[in-house]
């Protein structure tokens, strides 16, 4: 049974914790350098965007997959196939 916390599963929990920690650290730096309003707005925006990104990644699945709907033939197979066709043509002549 996978670990679930507030709707996030598995590794996304750790990503969420990293997001929370990084937003806090960056917002603290902004509060010190610019002001409390800019720091708080940044933290809210950063957390919102990050949590949205995490939820979209979780909907896509645990592992990132490339979805290619075309056929792929490795080059080394094409070369060996070409030799077989050439030898077959030589045998018929």
PDB file of N, CA and C in Angstrom:
ATOM      1  N   UNK A   1       0.846  -1.172   0.000  1.00  0.00           N
ATOM      2  CA  UNK A   1       0.000   0.000   0.000  1.00  0.00           C
ATOM      3  C   UNK A   1       0.897   1.243   0.000  1.00  0.00           C
ATOM      4  N   UNK A   2       0.771   2.108  -1.024  1.00  0.00           N
ATOM      5  CA  UNK A   2       1.637   3.292  -1.084  1.00  0.00           C
ATOM      6  C   UNK A   2       1.254   4.326  -0.019  1.00  0.00           C
ATOM      7  N   UNK A   3       2.224   5.117   0.341  1.00  0.00           N
ATOM      8  CA  UNK A   3       2.034   6.191   1.307  1.00  0.00           C
ATOM      9  C   UNK A   3       1.234   7.315   0.651  1.00  0.00           C
ATOM     10  N   UNK A   4       0.158   7.781   1.315  1.00  0.00           N
ATOM     11  CA  UNK A   4      -0.683   8.848   0.780  1.00  0.00           C
ATOM     12  C   UNK A   4      -0.831   9.926   1.841  1.00  0.00           C
ATOM     13  N   UNK A   5      -0.616  11.179   1.447  1.00  0.00           N
ATOM     14  CA  UNK A   5      -0.745  12.306   2.366  1.00  0.00           C
ATOM     15  C   UNK A   5      -1.383  13.477   1.622  1.00  0.00           C
ATOM     16  N   UNK A   6      -2.555  13.879   2.047  1.00  0.00           N
ATOM     17  CA  UNK A   6      -3.287  15.016   1.452  1.00  0.00           C
ATOM     18  C   UNK A   6      -3.445  14.873  -0.064  1.00  0.00           C
ATOM     19  N   UNK A   7      -3.660  13.659  -0.537  1.00  0.00           N
ATOM     20  CA  UNK A   7      -3.880  13.430  -1.958  1.00  0.00           C
ATOM     21  C   UNK A   7      -2.617  13.169  -2.763  1.00  0.00           C
ATOM     22  N   UNK A   8      -1.466  13.346  -2.171  1.00  0.00           N
ATOM     23  CA  UNK A   8      -0.212  13.083  -2.871  1.00  0.00           C
ATOM     24  C   UNK A   8       0.290  11.698  -2.497  1.00  0.00           C
ATOM     25  N   UNK A   9       0.818  10.980  -3.482  1.00  0.00           N
ATOM     26  CA  UNK A   9       1.259   9.607  -3.270  1.00  0.00           C
ATOM     27  C   UNK A   9       2.753   9.470  -3.521  1.00  0.00           C
ATOM     28  N   UNK A  10       3.369   8.574  -2.785  1.00  0.00           N
ATOM     29  CA  UNK A  10       4.754   8.168  -3.029  1.00  0.00           C
ATOM     30  C   UNK A  10       5.746   9.305  -3.052  1.00  0.00           C
ATOM     31  N   UNK A  11       6.490   9.375  -4.147  1.00  0.00           N
ATOM     32  CA  UNK A  11       7.576  10.359  -4.235  1.00  0.00           C
ATOM     33  C   UNK A  11       7.068  11.791  -4.312  1.00  0.00           C
ATOM     34  N   UNK A  12       5.803  11.988  -4.686  1.00  0.00           N
ATOM     35  CA  UNK A  12       5.265  13.338  -4.787  1.00  0.00           C
ATOM     36  C   UNK A  12       5.126  13.991  -3.410  1.00  0.00           C
ATOM     37  N   UNK A  13       5.038  13.183  -2.360  1.00  0.00           N
ATOM     38  CA  UNK A  13       5.029  13.735  -1.010  1.00  0.00           C
ATOM     39  C   UNK A  13       6.365  14.419  -0.732  1.00  0.00           C
ATOM     40  N   UNK A  14       7.450  13.770  -1.117  1.00  0.00           N
ATOM     41  CA  UNK A  14       8.782  14.345  -0.898  1.00  0.00           C
ATOM     42  C   UNK A  14       9.002  15.568  -1.776  1.00  0.00           C
ATOM     43  N   UNK A  15       8.491  15.526  -2.993  1.00  0.00           N
ATOM     44  CA  UNK A  15       8.583  16.700  -3.852  1.00  0.00           C
ATOM     45  C   UNK A  15       7.811  17.863  -3.238  1.00  0.00           C
ATOM     46  N   UNK A  16       6.645  17.579  -2.662  1.00  0.00           N
ATOM     47  CA  UNK A  16       5.850  18.615  -2.007  1.00  0.00           C
ATOM     48  C   UNK A  16       6.556  19.199  -0.798  1.00  0.00           C
ATOM     49  N   UNK A  17       7.209  18.341  -0.017  1.00  0.00           N
ATOM     50  CA  UNK A  17       7.970  18.838   1.133  1.00  0.00           C
ATOM     51  C   UNK A  17       9.145  19.708   0.684  1.00  0.00           C
ATOM     52  N   UNK A  18       9.810  19.306  -0.379  1.00  0.00           N
ATOM     53  CA  UNK A  18      10.900  20.121  -0.932  1.00  0.00           C
ATOM     54  C   UNK A  18      10.390  21.451  -1.458  1.00  0.00           C
ATOM     55  N   UNK A  19       9.217  21.432  -2.068  1.00  0.00           N
ATOM     56  CA  UNK A  19       8.595  22.659  -2.561  1.00  0.00           C
ATOM     57  C   UNK A  19       8.257  23.594  -1.398  1.00  0.00           C
ATOM     58  N   UNK A  20       7.689  23.036  -0.353  1.00  0.00           N
ATOM     59  CA  UNK A  20       7.339  23.833   0.823  1.00  0.00           C
ATOM     60  C   UNK A  20       8.583  24.451   1.465  1.00  0.00           C
ATOM     61  N   UNK A  21       9.615  23.661   1.619  1.00  0.00           N
ATOM     62  CA  UNK A  21      10.851  24.157   2.231  1.00  0.00           C
ATOM     63  C   UNK A  21      11.522  25.212   1.358  1.00  0.00           C
ATOM     64  N   UNK A  22      11.597  24.968   0.051  1.00  0.00           N
ATOM     65  CA  UNK A  22      12.256  25.948  -0.828  1.00  0.00           C
ATOM     66  C   UNK A  22      11.458  27.245  -0.913  1.00  0.00           C
ATOM     67  N   UNK A  23      10.120  27.163  -0.928  1.00  0.00           N
ATOM     68  CA  UNK A  23       9.332  28.392  -0.970  1.00  0.00           C
ATOM     69  C   UNK A  23       9.505  29.187   0.319  1.00  0.00           C
ATOM     70  N   UNK A  24       9.604  28.496   1.453  1.00  0.00           N
ATOM     71  CA  UNK A  24       9.812  29.195   2.722  1.00  0.00           C
ATOM     72  C   UNK A  24      11.165  29.903   2.750  1.00  0.00           C
ATOM     73  N   UNK A  25      12.199  29.203   2.286  1.00  0.00           N
ATOM     74  CA  UNK A  25      13.549  29.792   2.295  1.00  0.00           C
ATOM     75  C   UNK A  25      13.629  30.987   1.343  1.00  0.00           C
ATOM     76  N   UNK A  26      13.076  30.823   0.132  1.00  0.00           N
ATOM     77  CA  UNK A  26      13.114  31.929  -0.833  1.00  0.00           C
ATOM     78  C   UNK A  26      12.271  33.111  -0.363  1.00  0.00           C
ATOM     79  N   UNK A  27      11.102  32.838   0.225  1.00  0.00           N
ATOM     80  CA  UNK A  27      10.257  33.921   0.728  1.00  0.00           C
ATOM     81  C   UNK A  27      10.923  34.639   1.892  1.00  0.00           C
ATOM     82  N   UNK A  28      11.616  33.901   2.742  1.00  0.00           N
ATOM     83  CA  UNK A  28      12.342  34.529   3.845  1.00  0.00           C
ATOM     84  C   UNK A  28      13.419  35.475   3.310  1.00  0.00           C
ATOM     85  N   UNK A  29      14.112  35.033   2.278  1.00  0.00           N
ATOM     86  CA  UNK A  29      15.122  35.902   1.661  1.00  0.00           C
ATOM     87  C   UNK A  29      14.504  37.147   1.058  1.00  0.00           C
ATOM     88  N   UNK A  30      13.338  37.007   0.439  1.00  0.00           N
ATOM     89  CA  UNK A  30      12.668  38.176  -0.136  1.00  0.00           C
ATOM     90  C   UNK A  30      12.146  39.117   0.947  1.00  0.00           C
ATOM     91  N   UNK A  31      11.648  38.555   2.041  1.00  0.00           N
ATOM     92  CA  UNK A  31      11.169  39.402   3.138  1.00  0.00           C
ATOM     93  C   UNK A  31      12.315  40.239   3.700  1.00  0.00           C
ATOM     94  N   UNK A  32      13.467  39.630   3.844  1.00  0.00           N
ATOM     95  CA  UNK A  32      14.618  40.346   4.399  1.00  0.00           C
ATOM     96  C   UNK A  32      15.089  41.436   3.440  1.00  0.00           C
ATOM     97  N   UNK A  33      15.106  41.135   2.139  1.00  0.00           N
ATOM     98  CA  UNK A  33      15.672  42.096   1.183  1.00  0.00           C
ATOM     99  C   UNK A  33      14.670  43.134   0.687  1.00  0.00           C
ATOM    100  N   UNK A  34      13.398  42.750   0.484  1.00  0.00           N
ATOM    101  CA  UNK A  34      12.453  43.697  -0.124  1.00  0.00           C
ATOM    102  C   UNK A  34      11.343  44.131   0.825  1.00  0.00           C
ATOM    103  N   UNK A  35      10.664  43.191   1.431  1.00  0.00           N
ATOM    104  CA  UNK A  35       9.560  43.547   2.315  1.00  0.00           C
ATOM    105  C   UNK A  35       8.645  42.359   2.523  1.00  0.00           C
ATOM    106  N   UNK A  36       7.801  42.458   3.539  1.00  0.00           N
ATOM    107  CA  UNK A  36       6.982  41.318   3.920  1.00  0.00           C
ATOM    108  C   UNK A  36       5.884  41.019   2.889  1.00  0.00           C
ATOM    109  N   UNK A  37       5.310  42.035   2.287  1.00  0.00           N
ATOM    110  CA  UNK A  37       4.213  41.808   1.335  1.00  0.00           C
ATOM    111  C   UNK A  37       4.705  41.069   0.102  1.00  0.00           C
ATOM    112  N   UNK A  38       5.833  41.487  -0.449  1.00  0.00           N
ATOM    113  CA  UNK A  38       6.384  40.816  -1.637  1.00  0.00           C
ATOM    114  C   UNK A  38       6.783  39.385  -1.299  1.00  0.00           C
ATOM    115  N   UNK A  39       7.373  39.166  -0.138  1.00  0.00           N
ATOM    116  CA  UNK A  39       7.772  37.824   0.276  1.00  0.00           C
ATOM    117  C   UNK A  39       6.589  36.890   0.439  1.00  0.00           C
ATOM    118  N   UNK A  40       5.523  37.369   1.073  1.00  0.00           N
ATOM    119  CA  UNK A  40       4.329  36.541   1.278  1.00  0.00           C
ATOM    120  C   UNK A  40       3.635  36.261  -0.055  1.00  0.00           C
ATOM    121  N   UNK A  41       3.528  37.271  -0.913  1.00  0.00           N
ATOM    122  CA  UNK A  41       2.916  37.054  -2.231  1.00  0.00           C
ATOM    123  C   UNK A  41       3.716  36.046  -3.054  1.00  0.00           C
ATOM    124  N   UNK A  42       5.033  36.156  -2.984  1.00  0.00           N
ATOM    125  CA  UNK A  42       5.877  35.202  -3.700  1.00  0.00           C
ATOM    126  C   UNK A  42       5.661  33.787  -3.173  1.00  0.00           C
ATOM    127  N   UNK A  43       5.593  33.641  -1.853  1.00  0.00           N
ATOM    128  CA  UNK A  43       5.428  32.311  -1.259  1.00  0.00           C
ATOM    129  C   UNK A  43       4.090  31.706  -1.668  1.00  0.00           C
ATOM    130  N   UNK A  44       3.035  32.489  -1.657  1.00  0.00           N
ATOM    131  CA  UNK A  44       1.722  31.982  -2.049  1.00  0.00           C
ATOM    132  C   UNK A  44       1.721  31.588  -3.525  1.00  0.00           C
ATOM    133  N   UNK A  45       2.289  32.426  -4.376  1.00  0.00           N
ATOM    134  CA  UNK A  45       2.335  32.139  -5.815  1.00  0.00           C
ATOM    135  C   UNK A  45       3.190  30.917  -6.111  1.00  0.00           C
ATOM    136  N   UNK A  46       4.353  30.852  -5.489  1.00  0.00           N
ATOM    137  CA  UNK A  46       5.286  29.742  -5.699  1.00  0.00           C
ATOM    138  C   UNK A  46       4.672  28.426  -5.238  1.00  0.00           C
ATOM    139  N   UNK A  47       4.037  28.433  -4.076  1.00  0.00           N
ATOM    140  CA  UNK A  47       3.400  27.219  -3.565  1.00  0.00           C
ATOM    141  C   UNK A  47       2.230  26.792  -4.436  1.00  0.00           C
ATOM    142  N   UNK A  48       1.406  27.751  -4.852  1.00  0.00           N
ATOM    143  CA  UNK A  48       0.252  27.426  -5.703  1.00  0.00           C
ATOM    144  C   UNK A  48       0.673  26.826  -7.027  1.00  0.00           C
ATOM    145  N   UNK A  49       1.633  27.452  -7.681  1.00  0.00           N
ATOM    146  CA  UNK A  49       2.111  26.948  -8.969  1.00  0.00           C
ATOM    147  C   UNK A  49       2.792  25.592  -8.811  1.00  0.00           C
ATOM    148  N   UNK A  50       3.571  25.439  -7.750  1.00  0.00           N
ATOM    149  CA  UNK A  50       4.257  24.172  -7.522  1.00  0.00           C
ATOM    150  C   UNK A  50       3.303  23.033  -7.213  1.00  0.00           C
ATOM    151  N   UNK A  51       2.296  23.295  -6.390  1.00  0.00           N
ATOM    152  CA  UNK A  51       1.318  22.248  -6.081  1.00  0.00           C
ATOM    153  C   UNK A  51       0.479  21.887  -7.304  1.00  0.00           C
ATOM    154  N   UNK A  52       0.171  22.876  -8.139  1.00  0.00           N
ATOM    155  CA  UNK A  52      -0.538  22.587  -9.388  1.00  0.00           C
ATOM    156  C   UNK A  52       0.323  21.702 -10.292  1.00  0.00           C
ATOM    157  N   UNK A  53       1.606  22.046 -10.419  1.00  0.00           N
ATOM    158  CA  UNK A  53       2.526  21.246 -11.228  1.00  0.00           C
ATOM    159  C   UNK A  53       2.617  19.815 -10.696  1.00  0.00           C
ATOM    160  N   UNK A  54       2.727  19.664  -9.376  1.00  0.00           N
ATOM    161  CA  UNK A  54       2.814  18.331  -8.781  1.00  0.00           C
ATOM    162  C   UNK A  54       1.558  17.516  -9.021  1.00  0.00           C
ATOM    163  N   UNK A  55       0.400  18.150  -8.903  1.00  0.00           N
ATOM    164  CA  UNK A  55      -0.839  17.400  -9.131  1.00  0.00           C
ATOM    165  C   UNK A  55      -0.956  16.971 -10.588  1.00  0.00           C
ATOM    166  N   UNK A  56      -0.501  17.814 -11.527  1.00  0.00           N
ATOM    167  CA  UNK A  56      -0.530  17.422 -12.943  1.00  0.00           C
ATOM    168  C   UNK A  56       0.446  16.269 -13.217  1.00  0.00           C
ATOM    169  N   UNK A  57       1.628  16.327 -12.602  1.00  0.00           N
ATOM    170  CA  UNK A  57       2.605  15.238 -12.782  1.00  0.00           C
ATOM    171  C   UNK A  57       2.078  13.942 -12.193  1.00  0.00           C
ATOM    172  N   UNK A  58       1.372  14.018 -11.069  1.00  0.00           N
ATOM    173  CA  UNK A  58       0.847  12.815 -10.441  1.00  0.00           C
ATOM    174  C   UNK A  58      -0.260  12.199 -11.290  1.00  0.00           C
ATOM    175  N   UNK A  59      -1.049  13.028 -11.959  1.00  0.00           N
ATOM    176  CA  UNK A  59      -2.103  12.506 -12.835  1.00  0.00           C
ATOM    177  C   UNK A  59      -1.512  11.777 -14.042  1.00  0.00           C
ATOM    178  N   UNK A  60      -0.334  12.216 -14.503  1.00  0.00           N
ATOM    179  CA  UNK A  60       0.315  11.577 -15.651  1.00  0.00           C
ATOM    180  C   UNK A  60       0.862  10.204 -15.299  1.00  0.00           C
ATOM    181  N   UNK A  61       1.133   9.963 -14.044  1.00  0.00           N
ATOM    182  CA  UNK A  61       1.657   8.666 -13.629  1.00  0.00           C
ATOM    183  C   UNK A  61       2.948   8.807 -12.868  1.00  0.00           C
ATOM    184  N   UNK A  62       3.324   7.712 -12.202  1.00  0.00           N
ATOM    185  CA  UNK A  62       4.503   7.715 -11.337  1.00  0.00           C
ATOM    186  C   UNK A  62       5.792   7.913 -12.124  1.00  0.00           C
ATOM    187  N   UNK A  63       5.860   7.347 -13.308  1.00  0.00           N
ATOM    188  CA  UNK A  63       7.078   7.425 -14.110  1.00  0.00           C
ATOM    189  C   UNK A  63       6.795   8.214 -15.367  1.00  0.00           C
ATOM    190  N   UNK A  64       7.715   9.078 -15.735  1.00  0.00           N
ATOM    191  CA  UNK A  64       7.550   9.868 -16.948  1.00  0.00           C
ATOM    192  C   UNK A  64       7.720   8.952 -18.154  1.00  0.00           C
ATOM    193  N   UNK A  65       6.758   8.991 -19.046  1.00  0.00           N
ATOM    194  CA  UNK A  65       6.789   8.125 -20.216  1.00  0.00           C
ATOM    195  C   UNK A  65       6.768   8.986 -21.472  1.00  0.00           C
ATOM    196  N   UNK A  66       7.504   8.559 -22.465  1.00  0.00           N
ATOM    197  CA  UNK A  66       7.437   9.199 -23.768  1.00  0.00           C
ATOM    198  C   UNK A  66       6.366   8.479 -24.567  1.00  0.00           C
ATOM    199  N   UNK A  67       5.406   9.223 -25.082  1.00  0.00           N
ATOM    200  CA  UNK A  67       4.345   8.617 -25.861  1.00  0.00           C
ATOM    201  C   UNK A  67       4.622   8.877 -27.330  1.00  0.00           C
ATOM    202  N   UNK A  68       5.134   7.870 -27.992  1.00  0.00           N
ATOM    203  CA  UNK A  68       5.409   7.971 -29.408  1.00  0.00           C
ATOM    204  C   UNK A  68       4.483   7.004 -30.133  1.00  0.00           C
ATOM    205  N   UNK A  69       3.707   7.540 -31.067  1.00  0.00           N
ATOM    206  CA  UNK A  69       2.740   6.716 -31.770  1.00  0.00           C
ATOM    207  C   UNK A  69       3.228   6.315 -33.157  1.00  0.00           C
ATOM    208  N   UNK A  70       4.503   6.498 -33.436  1.00  0.00           N
ATOM    209  CA  UNK A  70       5.047   6.133 -34.736  1.00  0.00           C
ATOM    210  C   UNK A  70       5.851   4.847 -34.621  1.00  0.00           C
ATOM    211  N   UNK A  71       6.167   4.262 -35.752  1.00  0.00           N
ATOM    212  CA  UNK A  71       6.961   3.041 -35.769  1.00  0.00           C
ATOM    213  C   UNK A  71       8.438   3.405 -35.706  1.00  0.00           C
ATOM    214  N   UNK A  72       9.193   2.582 -35.033  1.00  0.00           N
ATOM    215  CA  UNK A  72      10.626   2.826 -34.901  1.00  0.00           C
ATOM    216  C   UNK A  72      11.352   1.548 -35.240  1.00  0.00           C
ATOM    217  N   UNK A  73      12.239   1.630 -36.224  1.00  0.00           N
ATOM    218  CA  UNK A  73      13.067   0.491 -36.601  1.00  0.00           C
ATOM    219  C   UNK A  73      14.510   0.902 -36.364  1.00  0.00           C
ATOM    220  N   UNK A  74      15.227   0.214 -35.478  1.00  0.00           N
ATOM    221  CA  UNK A  74      16.623   0.571 -35.216  1.00  0.00           C
ATOM    222  C   UNK A  74      17.464   0.496 -36.483  1.00  0.00           C
ATOM    223  N   UNK A  75      18.434   1.378 -36.602  1.00  0.00           N
ATOM    224  CA  UNK A  75      19.240   1.483 -37.813  1.00  0.00           C
ATOM    225  C   UNK A  75      20.004   0.203 -38.106  1.00  0.00           C
ATOM    226  N   UNK A  76      20.510  -0.468 -37.082  1.00  0.00           N
ATOM    227  CA  UNK A  76      21.290  -1.676 -37.339  1.00  0.00           C
ATOM    228  C   UNK A  76      20.413  -2.772 -37.945  1.00  0.00           C
ATOM    229  N   UNK A  77      19.123  -2.770 -37.657  1.00  0.00           N
ATOM    230  CA  UNK A  77      18.214  -3.754 -38.262  1.00  0.00           C
ATOM    231  C   UNK A  77      17.984  -3.419 -39.732  1.00  0.00           C
ATOM    232  N   UNK A  78      17.938  -2.152 -40.069  1.00  0.00           N
ATOM    233  CA  UNK A  78      17.726  -1.755 -41.456  1.00  0.00           C
ATOM    234  C   UNK A  78      18.927  -2.164 -42.300  1.00  0.00           C
ATOM    235  N   UNK A  79      20.136  -1.972 -41.775  1.00  0.00           N
ATOM    236  CA  UNK A  79      21.342  -2.338 -42.528  1.00  0.00           C
ATOM    237  C   UNK A  79      21.393  -3.840 -42.769  1.00  0.00           C
ATOM    238  N   UNK A  80      21.102  -4.632 -41.748  1.00  0.00           N
ATOM    239  CA  UNK A  80      21.152  -6.085 -41.937  1.00  0.00           C
ATOM    240  C   UNK A  80      20.020  -6.545 -42.840  1.00  0.00           C
ATOM    241  N   UNK A  81      18.900  -5.894 -42.793  1.00  0.00           N
ATOM    242  CA  UNK A  81      17.786  -6.235 -43.667  1.00  0.00           C
ATOM    243  C   UNK A  81      18.148  -5.910 -45.111  1.00  0.00           C
ATOM    244  N   UNK A  82      18.853  -4.795 -45.320  1.00  0.00           N
ATOM    245  CA  UNK A  82      19.283  -4.418 -46.668  1.00  0.00           C
ATOM    246  C   UNK A  82      20.249  -5.436 -47.251  1.00  0.00           C
ATOM    247  N   UNK A  83      21.145  -5.987 -46.422  1.00  0.00           N
ATOM    248  CA  UNK A  83      22.075  -7.007 -46.914  1.00  0.00           C
ATOM    249  C   UNK A  83      21.336  -8.271 -47.316  1.00  0.00           C
ATOM    250  N   UNK A  84      20.320  -8.643 -46.542  1.00  0.00           N
ATOM    251  CA  UNK A  84      19.547  -9.840 -46.875  1.00  0.00           C
ATOM    252  C   UNK A  84      18.805  -9.666 -48.190  1.00  0.00           C
ATOM    253  N   UNK A  85      18.285  -8.462 -48.435  1.00  0.00           N
ATOM    254  CA  UNK A  85      17.572  -8.208 -49.688  1.00  0.00           C
ATOM    255  C   UNK A  85      18.543  -8.234 -50.855  1.00  0.00           C
ATOM    256  N   UNK A  86      19.740  -7.642 -50.681  1.00  0.00           N
ATOM    257  CA  UNK A  86      20.736  -7.640 -51.739  1.00  0.00           C
ATOM    258  C   UNK A  86      21.171  -9.060 -52.091  1.00  0.00           C
ATOM    259  N   UNK A  87      21.415  -9.879 -51.097  1.00  0.00           N
ATOM    260  CA  UNK A  87      21.833 -11.265 -51.370  1.00  0.00           C
ATOM    261  C   UNK A  87      20.694 -12.051 -51.998  1.00  0.00           C
ATOM    262  N   UNK A  88      19.465 -11.761 -51.637  1.00  0.00           N
ATOM    263  CA  UNK A  88      18.331 -12.453 -52.246  1.00  0.00           C
ATOM    264  C   UNK A  88      18.195 -12.049 -53.706  1.00  0.00           C
ATOM    265  N   UNK A  89      18.454 -10.788 -54.022  1.00  0.00           N
ATOM    266  CA  UNK A  89      18.377 -10.329 -55.410  1.00  0.00           C
ATOM    267  C   UNK A  89      19.502 -10.952 -56.238  1.00  0.00           C
ATOM    268  N   UNK A  90      20.684 -11.125 -55.667  1.00  0.00           N
ATOM    269  CA  UNK A  90      21.809 -11.725 -56.389  1.00  0.00           C
ATOM    270  C   UNK A  90      21.528 -13.188 -56.665  1.00  0.00           C
ATOM    271  N   UNK A  91      20.873 -13.884 -55.750  1.00  0.00           N
ATOM    272  CA  UNK A  91      20.580 -15.301 -55.935  1.00  0.00           C
ATOM    273  C   UNK A  91      19.559 -15.515 -57.051  1.00  0.00           C
ATOM    274  N   UNK A  92      18.639 -14.581 -57.239  1.00  0.00           N
ATOM    275  CA  UNK A  92      17.610 -14.748 -58.264  1.00  0.00           C
ATOM    276  C   UNK A  92      18.128 -14.379 -59.641  1.00  0.00           C
ATOM    277  N   UNK A  93      19.208 -13.671 -59.757  1.00  0.00           N
ATOM    278  CA  UNK A  93      19.709 -13.264 -61.071  1.00  0.00           C
ATOM    279  C   UNK A  93      20.592 -14.262 -61.672  1.00  0.00           C
TER     280      UNK A  93
END
